[in-house]
């Protein structure tokens, strides 16, 4: 095989296998927790304002918190989930994050 000046003959180079490993991180759930202090209407308002929920969805999530003691209100990357928890705390609501299983 003829080689042009400046070209490298790759026929003598060993083959190198390249593997790409992508680590998929599970999202983190933002979990709103029940508290005896805040009015239900206030919790609905906060969910609408912070997460952009419709009135229906915000009410449904608030009822989950009220009836079950908790509701997953968002599923995000860890840093964003921590941001939402801090914002919920700033509004006076109880919240935490937990790693999602899916």
PDB file of N, CA and C in Angstrom:
ATOM      1  N   UNK A   1       0.854  -1.155   0.000  1.00  0.00           N
ATOM      2  CA  UNK A   1       0.000   0.000   0.000  1.00  0.00           C
ATOM      3  C   UNK A   1       0.899   1.216   0.000  1.00  0.00           C
ATOM      4  N   UNK A   2       0.619   2.150  -0.868  1.00  0.00           N
ATOM      5  CA  UNK A   2       1.463   3.344  -0.919  1.00  0.00           C
ATOM      6  C   UNK A   2       0.989   4.352   0.114  1.00  0.00           C
ATOM      7  N   UNK A   3       1.939   5.016   0.678  1.00  0.00           N
ATOM      8  CA  UNK A   3       1.667   5.970   1.744  1.00  0.00           C
ATOM      9  C   UNK A   3       2.037   7.354   1.268  1.00  0.00           C
ATOM     10  N   UNK A   4       1.154   8.308   1.538  1.00  0.00           N
ATOM     11  CA  UNK A   4       1.437   9.693   1.193  1.00  0.00           C
ATOM     12  C   UNK A   4       2.284  10.296   2.310  1.00  0.00           C
ATOM     13  N   UNK A   5       3.081  11.293   1.978  1.00  0.00           N
ATOM     14  CA  UNK A   5       3.887  11.932   3.024  1.00  0.00           C
ATOM     15  C   UNK A   5       2.989  12.477   4.139  1.00  0.00           C
ATOM     16  N   UNK A   6       3.371  12.246   5.377  1.00  0.00           N
ATOM     17  CA  UNK A   6       2.625  12.750   6.532  1.00  0.00           C
ATOM     18  C   UNK A   6       1.554  11.796   7.031  1.00  0.00           C
ATOM     19  N   UNK A   7       1.269  10.719   6.300  1.00  0.00           N
ATOM     20  CA  UNK A   7       0.268   9.747   6.739  1.00  0.00           C
ATOM     21  C   UNK A   7       0.933   8.688   7.600  1.00  0.00           C
ATOM     22  N   UNK A   8       0.154   8.118   8.495  1.00  0.00           N
ATOM     23  CA  UNK A   8       0.656   7.061   9.368  1.00  0.00           C
ATOM     24  C   UNK A   8       0.094   5.746   8.869  1.00  0.00           C
ATOM     25  N   UNK A   9       0.940   4.747   8.796  1.00  0.00           N
ATOM     26  CA  UNK A   9       0.498   3.418   8.397  1.00  0.00           C
ATOM     27  C   UNK A   9      -0.168   2.755   9.594  1.00  0.00           C
ATOM     28  N   UNK A  10      -1.481   2.662   9.562  1.00  0.00           N
ATOM     29  CA  UNK A  10      -2.229   2.097  10.689  1.00  0.00           C
ATOM     30  C   UNK A  10      -2.358   0.587  10.605  1.00  0.00           C
ATOM     31  N   UNK A  11      -1.897  -0.011   9.535  1.00  0.00           N
ATOM     32  CA  UNK A  11      -2.039  -1.463   9.370  1.00  0.00           C
ATOM     33  C   UNK A  11      -1.187  -2.238  10.377  1.00  0.00           C
ATOM     34  N   UNK A  12      -0.167  -1.622  10.910  1.00  0.00           N
ATOM     35  CA  UNK A  12       0.708  -2.314  11.856  1.00  0.00           C
ATOM     36  C   UNK A  12       0.351  -2.015  13.313  1.00  0.00           C
ATOM     37  N   UNK A  13      -0.627  -1.138  13.530  1.00  0.00           N
ATOM     38  CA  UNK A  13      -1.017  -0.809  14.905  1.00  0.00           C
ATOM     39  C   UNK A  13      -1.924  -1.893  15.452  1.00  0.00           C
ATOM     40  N   UNK A  14      -1.771  -2.213  16.741  1.00  0.00           N
ATOM     41  CA  UNK A  14      -2.643  -3.235  17.326  1.00  0.00           C
ATOM     42  C   UNK A  14      -4.087  -2.704  17.423  1.00  0.00           C
ATOM     43  N   UNK A  15      -5.032  -3.635  17.341  1.00  0.00           N
ATOM     44  CA  UNK A  15      -6.433  -3.238  17.481  1.00  0.00           C
ATOM     45  C   UNK A  15      -6.724  -2.982  18.951  1.00  0.00           C
ATOM     46  N   UNK A  16      -7.456  -1.944  19.202  1.00  0.00           N
ATOM     47  CA  UNK A  16      -7.826  -1.595  20.566  1.00  0.00           C
ATOM     48  C   UNK A  16      -9.348  -1.621  20.651  1.00  0.00           C
ATOM     49  N   UNK A  17      -9.830  -2.384  21.615  1.00  0.00           N
ATOM     50  CA  UNK A  17     -11.277  -2.412  21.813  1.00  0.00           C
ATOM     51  C   UNK A  17     -11.667  -1.258  22.704  1.00  0.00           C
ATOM     52  N   UNK A  18     -12.702  -0.600  22.316  1.00  0.00           N
ATOM     53  CA  UNK A  18     -13.187   0.534  23.094  1.00  0.00           C
ATOM     54  C   UNK A  18     -14.555   0.197  23.659  1.00  0.00           C
ATOM     55  N   UNK A  19     -14.684   0.360  24.953  1.00  0.00           N
ATOM     56  CA  UNK A  19     -15.969   0.115  25.595  1.00  0.00           C
ATOM     57  C   UNK A  19     -16.391   1.388  26.304  1.00  0.00           C
ATOM     58  N   UNK A  20     -17.625   1.715  26.137  1.00  0.00           N
ATOM     59  CA  UNK A  20     -18.170   2.877  26.820  1.00  0.00           C
ATOM     60  C   UNK A  20     -19.160   2.398  27.863  1.00  0.00           C
ATOM     61  N   UNK A  21     -18.920   2.799  29.066  1.00  0.00           N
ATOM     62  CA  UNK A  21     -19.830   2.450  30.152  1.00  0.00           C
ATOM     63  C   UNK A  21     -20.555   3.714  30.582  1.00  0.00           C
ATOM     64  N   UNK A  22     -21.843   3.672  30.466  1.00  0.00           N
ATOM     65  CA  UNK A  22     -22.642   4.797  30.912  1.00  0.00           C
ATOM     66  C   UNK A  22     -23.379   4.380  32.172  1.00  0.00           C
ATOM     67  N   UNK A  23     -23.116   5.089  33.231  1.00  0.00           N
ATOM     68  CA  UNK A  23     -23.786   4.800  34.485  1.00  0.00           C
ATOM     69  C   UNK A  23     -25.059   5.631  34.546  1.00  0.00           C
ATOM     70  N   UNK A  24     -26.179   4.947  34.558  1.00  0.00           N
ATOM     71  CA  UNK A  24     -27.462   5.630  34.630  1.00  0.00           C
ATOM     72  C   UNK A  24     -27.828   5.766  36.097  1.00  0.00           C
ATOM     73  N   UNK A  25     -27.978   6.999  36.515  1.00  0.00           N
ATOM     74  CA  UNK A  25     -28.349   7.227  37.900  1.00  0.00           C
ATOM     75  C   UNK A  25     -29.859   7.277  38.010  1.00  0.00           C
ATOM     76  N   UNK A  26     -30.349   6.629  39.037  1.00  0.00           N
ATOM     77  CA  UNK A  26     -31.781   6.684  39.287  1.00  0.00           C
ATOM     78  C   UNK A  26     -32.132   8.084  39.773  1.00  0.00           C
ATOM     79  N   UNK A  27     -33.278   8.576  39.375  1.00  0.00           N
ATOM     80  CA  UNK A  27     -33.667   9.904  39.843  1.00  0.00           C
ATOM     81  C   UNK A  27     -33.975   9.893  41.343  1.00  0.00           C
ATOM     82  N   UNK A  28     -34.041  11.077  41.890  1.00  0.00           N
ATOM     83  CA  UNK A  28     -34.362  11.247  43.300  1.00  0.00           C
ATOM     84  C   UNK A  28     -35.784  11.786  43.409  1.00  0.00           C
ATOM     85  N   UNK A  29     -36.559  11.193  44.297  1.00  0.00           N
ATOM     86  CA  UNK A  29     -37.929  11.624  44.510  1.00  0.00           C
ATOM     87  C   UNK A  29     -37.972  12.736  45.551  1.00  0.00           C
ATOM     88  N   UNK A  30     -38.735  13.767  45.253  1.00  0.00           N
ATOM     89  CA  UNK A  30     -39.026  14.814  46.219  1.00  0.00           C
ATOM     90  C   UNK A  30     -40.318  14.382  46.906  1.00  0.00           C
ATOM     91  N   UNK A  31     -40.237  14.178  48.213  1.00  0.00           N
ATOM     92  CA  UNK A  31     -41.371  13.653  48.967  1.00  0.00           C
ATOM     93  C   UNK A  31     -41.877  14.726  49.927  1.00  0.00           C
ATOM     94  N   UNK A  32     -43.121  15.141  49.713  1.00  0.00           N
ATOM     95  CA  UNK A  32     -43.764  16.079  50.637  1.00  0.00           C
ATOM     96  C   UNK A  32     -44.371  15.262  51.770  1.00  0.00           C
ATOM     97  N   UNK A  33     -44.172  15.746  52.984  1.00  0.00           N
ATOM     98  CA  UNK A  33     -44.625  15.024  54.173  1.00  0.00           C
ATOM     99  C   UNK A  33     -45.745  15.778  54.874  1.00  0.00           C
ATOM    100  N   UNK A  34     -46.599  15.025  55.547  1.00  0.00           N
ATOM    101  CA  UNK A  34     -47.733  15.619  56.260  1.00  0.00           C
ATOM    102  C   UNK A  34     -47.243  16.387  57.489  1.00  0.00           C
ATOM    103  N   UNK A  35     -47.912  17.472  57.762  1.00  0.00           N
ATOM    104  CA  UNK A  35     -47.659  18.221  58.995  1.00  0.00           C
ATOM    105  C   UNK A  35     -48.991  18.770  59.492  1.00  0.00           C
ATOM    106  N   UNK A  36     -49.107  18.985  60.788  1.00  0.00           N
ATOM    107  CA  UNK A  36     -50.379  19.441  61.353  1.00  0.00           C
ATOM    108  C   UNK A  36     -50.547  20.966  61.318  1.00  0.00           C
ATOM    109  N   UNK A  37     -49.631  21.681  60.717  1.00  0.00           N
ATOM    110  CA  UNK A  37     -49.611  23.136  60.801  1.00  0.00           C
ATOM    111  C   UNK A  37     -50.277  23.823  59.616  1.00  0.00           C
ATOM    112  N   UNK A  38     -49.919  23.417  58.414  1.00  0.00           N
ATOM    113  CA  UNK A  38     -50.347  24.147  57.221  1.00  0.00           C
ATOM    114  C   UNK A  38     -51.752  23.764  56.766  1.00  0.00           C
ATOM    115  N   UNK A  39     -52.475  24.768  56.305  1.00  0.00           N
ATOM    116  CA  UNK A  39     -53.809  24.536  55.755  1.00  0.00           C
ATOM    117  C   UNK A  39     -53.694  23.800  54.431  1.00  0.00           C
ATOM    118  N   UNK A  40     -54.698  22.985  54.133  1.00  0.00           N
ATOM    119  CA  UNK A  40     -54.716  22.243  52.879  1.00  0.00           C
ATOM    120  C   UNK A  40     -54.667  23.187  51.683  1.00  0.00           C
ATOM    121  N   UNK A  41     -55.375  24.277  51.752  1.00  0.00           N
ATOM    122  CA  UNK A  41     -55.408  25.233  50.643  1.00  0.00           C
ATOM    123  C   UNK A  41     -54.025  25.847  50.415  1.00  0.00           C
ATOM    124  N   UNK A  42     -53.268  26.042  51.487  1.00  0.00           N
ATOM    125  CA  UNK A  42     -51.918  26.584  51.363  1.00  0.00           C
ATOM    126  C   UNK A  42     -50.999  25.577  50.672  1.00  0.00           C
ATOM    127  N   UNK A  43     -51.118  24.301  51.028  1.00  0.00           N
ATOM    128  CA  UNK A  43     -50.293  23.259  50.412  1.00  0.00           C
ATOM    129  C   UNK A  43     -50.602  23.176  48.912  1.00  0.00           C
ATOM    130  N   UNK A  44     -51.879  23.254  48.548  1.00  0.00           N
ATOM    131  CA  UNK A  44     -52.275  23.252  47.139  1.00  0.00           C
ATOM    132  C   UNK A  44     -51.630  24.446  46.430  1.00  0.00           C
ATOM    133  N   UNK A  45     -51.708  25.618  47.052  1.00  0.00           N
ATOM    134  CA  UNK A  45     -51.109  26.831  46.484  1.00  0.00           C
ATOM    135  C   UNK A  45     -49.607  26.648  46.239  1.00  0.00           C
ATOM    136  N   UNK A  46     -48.890  26.113  47.219  1.00  0.00           N
ATOM    137  CA  UNK A  46     -47.438  25.924  47.095  1.00  0.00           C
ATOM    138  C   UNK A  46     -47.125  24.939  45.971  1.00  0.00           C
ATOM    139  N   UNK A  47     -47.854  23.842  45.893  1.00  0.00           N
ATOM    140  CA  UNK A  47     -47.617  22.856  44.838  1.00  0.00           C
ATOM    141  C   UNK A  47     -47.848  23.479  43.461  1.00  0.00           C
ATOM    142  N   UNK A  48     -48.869  24.293  43.336  1.00  0.00           N
ATOM    143  CA  UNK A  48     -49.138  24.955  42.060  1.00  0.00           C
ATOM    144  C   UNK A  48     -48.015  25.926  41.708  1.00  0.00           C
ATOM    145  N   UNK A  49     -47.630  26.727  42.678  1.00  0.00           N
ATOM    146  CA  UNK A  49     -46.617  27.752  42.432  1.00  0.00           C
ATOM    147  C   UNK A  49     -45.238  27.149  42.155  1.00  0.00           C
ATOM    148  N   UNK A  50     -44.845  26.173  42.960  1.00  0.00           N
ATOM    149  CA  UNK A  50     -43.495  25.620  42.865  1.00  0.00           C
ATOM    150  C   UNK A  50     -43.338  24.622  41.717  1.00  0.00           C
ATOM    151  N   UNK A  51     -44.337  23.770  41.521  1.00  0.00           N
ATOM    152  CA  UNK A  51     -44.213  22.704  40.530  1.00  0.00           C
ATOM    153  C   UNK A  51     -45.034  22.956  39.262  1.00  0.00           C
ATOM    154  N   UNK A  52     -45.833  24.007  39.261  1.00  0.00           N
ATOM    155  CA  UNK A  52     -46.654  24.308  38.092  1.00  0.00           C
ATOM    156  C   UNK A  52     -47.813  23.342  37.915  1.00  0.00           C
ATOM    157  N   UNK A  53     -48.229  22.696  39.002  1.00  0.00           N
ATOM    158  CA  UNK A  53     -49.343  21.752  38.938  1.00  0.00           C
ATOM    159  C   UNK A  53     -50.646  22.492  38.652  1.00  0.00           C
ATOM    160  N   UNK A  54     -51.556  21.802  37.986  1.00  0.00           N
ATOM    161  CA  UNK A  54     -52.917  22.312  37.843  1.00  0.00           C
ATOM    162  C   UNK A  54     -53.586  22.263  39.217  1.00  0.00           C
ATOM    163  N   UNK A  55     -54.708  22.928  39.349  1.00  0.00           N
ATOM    164  CA  UNK A  55     -55.473  22.906  40.604  1.00  0.00           C
ATOM    165  C   UNK A  55     -55.811  21.452  40.979  1.00  0.00           C
ATOM    166  N   UNK A  56     -56.238  20.678  39.995  1.00  0.00           N
ATOM    167  CA  UNK A  56     -56.619  19.277  40.236  1.00  0.00           C
ATOM    168  C   UNK A  56     -55.448  18.449  40.744  1.00  0.00           C
ATOM    169  N   UNK A  57     -54.330  18.535  40.035  1.00  0.00           N
ATOM    170  CA  UNK A  57     -53.161  17.733  40.418  1.00  0.00           C
ATOM    171  C   UNK A  57     -52.630  18.169  41.772  1.00  0.00           C
ATOM    172  N   UNK A  58     -52.556  19.462  42.014  1.00  0.00           N
ATOM    173  CA  UNK A  58     -52.074  19.961  43.303  1.00  0.00           C
ATOM    174  C   UNK A  58     -52.986  19.475  44.435  1.00  0.00           C
ATOM    175  N   UNK A  59     -54.288  19.489  44.200  1.00  0.00           N
ATOM    176  CA  UNK A  59     -55.244  19.017  45.218  1.00  0.00           C
ATOM    177  C   UNK A  59     -55.077  17.517  45.446  1.00  0.00           C
ATOM    178  N   UNK A  60     -54.903  16.758  44.362  1.00  0.00           N
ATOM    179  CA  UNK A  60     -54.722  15.312  44.475  1.00  0.00           C
ATOM    180  C   UNK A  60     -53.447  14.986  45.274  1.00  0.00           C
ATOM    181  N   UNK A  61     -52.346  15.698  44.974  1.00  0.00           N
ATOM    182  CA  UNK A  61     -51.085  15.472  45.699  1.00  0.00           C
ATOM    183  C   UNK A  61     -51.223  15.869  47.173  1.00  0.00           C
ATOM    184  N   UNK A  62     -51.920  16.970  47.427  1.00  0.00           N
ATOM    185  CA  UNK A  62     -52.141  17.407  48.808  1.00  0.00           C
ATOM    186  C   UNK A  62     -52.936  16.347  49.569  1.00  0.00           C
ATOM    187  N   UNK A  63     -53.949  15.751  48.925  1.00  0.00           N
ATOM    188  CA  UNK A  63     -54.752  14.716  49.587  1.00  0.00           C
ATOM    189  C   UNK A  63     -53.925  13.461  49.850  1.00  0.00           C
ATOM    190  N   UNK A  64     -52.985  13.142  48.959  1.00  0.00           N
ATOM    191  CA  UNK A  64     -52.077  12.020  49.225  1.00  0.00           C
ATOM    192  C   UNK A  64     -51.266  12.297  50.481  1.00  0.00           C
ATOM    193  N   UNK A  65     -50.760  13.515  50.596  1.00  0.00           N
ATOM    194  CA  UNK A  65     -50.000  13.890  51.792  1.00  0.00           C
ATOM    195  C   UNK A  65     -50.893  13.768  53.020  1.00  0.00           C
ATOM    196  N   UNK A  66     -52.094  14.274  52.924  1.00  0.00           N
ATOM    197  CA  UNK A  66     -53.031  14.263  54.055  1.00  0.00           C
ATOM    198  C   UNK A  66     -53.426  12.833  54.443  1.00  0.00           C
ATOM    199  N   UNK A  67     -53.780  12.023  53.451  1.00  0.00           N
ATOM    200  CA  UNK A  67     -54.282  10.667  53.730  1.00  0.00           C
ATOM    201  C   UNK A  67     -53.174   9.654  54.001  1.00  0.00           C
ATOM    202  N   UNK A  68     -52.078   9.739  53.227  1.00  0.00           N
ATOM    203  CA  UNK A  68     -51.020   8.732  53.324  1.00  0.00           C
ATOM    204  C   UNK A  68     -49.804   9.203  54.122  1.00  0.00           C
ATOM    205  N   UNK A  69     -49.765  10.511  54.444  1.00  0.00           N
ATOM    206  CA  UNK A  69     -48.638  11.046  55.193  1.00  0.00           C
ATOM    207  C   UNK A  69     -47.481  11.486  54.315  1.00  0.00           C
ATOM    208  N   UNK A  70     -47.590  11.238  53.011  1.00  0.00           N
ATOM    209  CA  UNK A  70     -46.512  11.583  52.094  1.00  0.00           C
ATOM    210  C   UNK A  70     -46.999  11.519  50.655  1.00  0.00           C
ATOM    211  N   UNK A  71     -46.296  12.225  49.773  1.00  0.00           N
ATOM    212  CA  UNK A  71     -46.576  12.164  48.344  1.00  0.00           C
ATOM    213  C   UNK A  71     -45.312  12.518  47.576  1.00  0.00           C
ATOM    214  N   UNK A  72     -45.016  11.741  46.542  1.00  0.00           N
ATOM    215  CA  UNK A  72     -43.899  12.062  45.660  1.00  0.00           C
ATOM    216  C   UNK A  72     -44.404  13.159  44.721  1.00  0.00           C
ATOM    217  N   UNK A  73     -43.831  14.350  44.862  1.00  0.00           N
ATOM    218  CA  UNK A  73     -44.291  15.495  44.073  1.00  0.00           C
ATOM    219  C   UNK A  73     -43.385  15.806  42.896  1.00  0.00           C
ATOM    220  N   UNK A  74     -42.198  15.194  42.854  1.00  0.00           N
ATOM    221  CA  UNK A  74     -41.292  15.388  41.719  1.00  0.00           C
ATOM    222  C   UNK A  74     -40.258  14.278  41.742  1.00  0.00           C
ATOM    223  N   UNK A  75     -39.676  14.023  40.576  1.00  0.00           N
ATOM    224  CA  UNK A  75     -38.599  13.053  40.442  1.00  0.00           C
ATOM    225  C   UNK A  75     -37.543  13.709  39.560  1.00  0.00           C
ATOM    226  N   UNK A  76     -36.381  13.982  40.146  1.00  0.00           N
ATOM    227  CA  UNK A  76     -35.364  14.810  39.495  1.00  0.00           C
ATOM    228  C   UNK A  76     -33.972  14.256  39.761  1.00  0.00           C
ATOM    229  N   UNK A  77     -32.973  14.868  39.112  1.00  0.00           N
ATOM    230  CA  UNK A  77     -31.587  14.599  39.476  1.00  0.00           C
ATOM    231  C   UNK A  77     -31.385  15.110  40.898  1.00  0.00           C
ATOM    232  N   UNK A  78     -30.404  14.578  41.587  1.00  0.00           N
ATOM    233  CA  UNK A  78     -30.244  14.866  43.018  1.00  0.00           C
ATOM    234  C   UNK A  78     -30.173  16.366  43.345  1.00  0.00           C
ATOM    235  N   UNK A  79     -29.356  17.097  42.611  1.00  0.00           N
ATOM    236  CA  UNK A  79     -29.190  18.521  42.916  1.00  0.00           C
ATOM    237  C   UNK A  79     -30.510  19.282  42.783  1.00  0.00           C
ATOM    238  N   UNK A  80     -31.258  18.979  41.735  1.00  0.00           N
ATOM    239  CA  UNK A  80     -32.553  19.648  41.514  1.00  0.00           C
ATOM    240  C   UNK A  80     -33.561  19.215  42.582  1.00  0.00           C
ATOM    241  N   UNK A  81     -33.524  17.947  42.978  1.00  0.00           N
ATOM    242  CA  UNK A  81     -34.417  17.458  44.036  1.00  0.00           C
ATOM    243  C   UNK A  81     -34.114  18.182  45.351  1.00  0.00           C
ATOM    244  N   UNK A  82     -32.833  18.364  45.656  1.00  0.00           N
ATOM    245  CA  UNK A  82     -32.456  19.085  46.876  1.00  0.00           C
ATOM    246  C   UNK A  82     -32.932  20.537  46.814  1.00  0.00           C
ATOM    247  N   UNK A  83     -32.873  21.123  45.624  1.00  0.00           N
ATOM    248  CA  UNK A  83     -33.376  22.479  45.440  1.00  0.00           C
ATOM    249  C   UNK A  83     -34.869  22.550  45.785  1.00  0.00           C
ATOM    250  N   UNK A  84     -35.654  21.604  45.267  1.00  0.00           N
ATOM    251  CA  UNK A  84     -37.090  21.604  45.540  1.00  0.00           C
ATOM    252  C   UNK A  84     -37.387  21.385  47.024  1.00  0.00           C
ATOM    253  N   UNK A  85     -36.627  20.516  47.668  1.00  0.00           N
ATOM    254  CA  UNK A  85     -36.819  20.305  49.106  1.00  0.00           C
ATOM    255  C   UNK A  85     -36.544  21.601  49.872  1.00  0.00           C
ATOM    256  N   UNK A  86     -35.477  22.284  49.510  1.00  0.00           N
ATOM    257  CA  UNK A  86     -35.153  23.555  50.173  1.00  0.00           C
ATOM    258  C   UNK A  86     -36.270  24.577  49.951  1.00  0.00           C
ATOM    259  N   UNK A  87     -36.816  24.617  48.744  1.00  0.00           N
ATOM    260  CA  UNK A  87     -37.914  25.552  48.453  1.00  0.00           C
ATOM    261  C   UNK A  87     -39.170  25.196  49.259  1.00  0.00           C
ATOM    262  N   UNK A  88     -39.480  23.905  49.353  1.00  0.00           N
ATOM    263  CA  UNK A  88     -40.634  23.488  50.160  1.00  0.00           C
ATOM    264  C   UNK A  88     -40.424  23.873  51.617  1.00  0.00           C
ATOM    265  N   UNK A  89     -39.208  23.689  52.122  1.00  0.00           N
ATOM    266  CA  UNK A  89     -38.901  24.104  53.496  1.00  0.00           C
ATOM    267  C   UNK A  89     -39.082  25.610  53.655  1.00  0.00           C
ATOM    268  N   UNK A  90     -38.663  26.376  52.646  1.00  0.00           N
ATOM    269  CA  UNK A  90     -38.809  27.837  52.704  1.00  0.00           C
ATOM    270  C   UNK A  90     -40.282  28.242  52.784  1.00  0.00           C
ATOM    271  N   UNK A  91     -41.154  27.445  52.194  1.00  0.00           N
ATOM    272  CA  UNK A  91     -42.601  27.693  52.280  1.00  0.00           C
ATOM    273  C   UNK A  91     -43.196  27.134  53.578  1.00  0.00           C
ATOM    274  N   UNK A  92     -42.376  26.521  54.403  1.00  0.00           N
ATOM    275  CA  UNK A  92     -42.850  25.998  55.681  1.00  0.00           C
ATOM    276  C   UNK A  92     -43.421  24.597  55.613  1.00  0.00           C
ATOM    277  N   UNK A  93     -43.159  23.892  54.514  1.00  0.00           N
ATOM    278  CA  UNK A  93     -43.653  22.519  54.368  1.00  0.00           C
ATOM    279  C   UNK A  93     -42.541  21.522  54.690  1.00  0.00           C
ATOM    280  N   UNK A  94     -42.926  20.370  55.159  1.00  0.00           N
ATOM    281  CA  UNK A  94     -41.968  19.300  55.434  1.00  0.00           C
ATOM    282  C   UNK A  94     -41.740  18.505  54.153  1.00  0.00           C
ATOM    283  N   UNK A  95     -40.484  18.195  53.867  1.00  0.00           N
ATOM    284  CA  UNK A  95     -40.154  17.437  52.664  1.00  0.00           C
ATOM    285  C   UNK A  95     -38.786  16.794  52.818  1.00  0.00           C
ATOM    286  N   UNK A  96     -38.556  15.786  52.017  1.00  0.00           N
ATOM    287  CA  UNK A  96     -37.272  15.100  51.993  1.00  0.00           C
ATOM    288  C   UNK A  96     -37.053  14.547  50.590  1.00  0.00           C
ATOM    289  N   UNK A  97     -35.861  13.977  50.361  1.00  0.00           N
ATOM    290  CA  UNK A  97     -35.628  13.278  49.103  1.00  0.00           C
ATOM    291  C   UNK A  97     -35.305  11.829  49.409  1.00  0.00           C
ATOM    292  N   UNK A  98     -35.601  10.979  48.444  1.00  0.00           N
ATOM    293  CA  UNK A  98     -35.229   9.569  48.540  1.00  0.00           C
ATOM    294  C   UNK A  98     -34.903   9.100  47.136  1.00  0.00           C
ATOM    295  N   UNK A  99     -33.961   8.189  47.020  1.00  0.00           N
ATOM    296  CA  UNK A  99     -33.582   7.724  45.696  1.00  0.00           C
ATOM    297  C   UNK A  99     -34.666   6.805  45.151  1.00  0.00           C
ATOM    298  N   UNK A 100     -35.021   7.049  43.909  1.00  0.00           N
ATOM    299  CA  UNK A 100     -36.036   6.261  43.231  1.00  0.00           C
ATOM    300  C   UNK A 100     -35.484   4.886  42.919  1.00  0.00           C
ATOM    301  N   UNK A 101     -36.339   3.909  42.883  1.00  0.00           N
ATOM    302  CA  UNK A 101     -35.918   2.542  42.549  1.00  0.00           C
ATOM    303  C   UNK A 101     -35.962   2.294  41.056  1.00  0.00           C
ATOM    304  N   UNK A 102     -36.563   3.203  40.300  1.00  0.00           N
ATOM    305  CA  UNK A 102     -36.651   2.978  38.846  1.00  0.00           C
ATOM    306  C   UNK A 102     -35.888   4.012  38.086  1.00  0.00           C
TER     307      UNK A 102
END
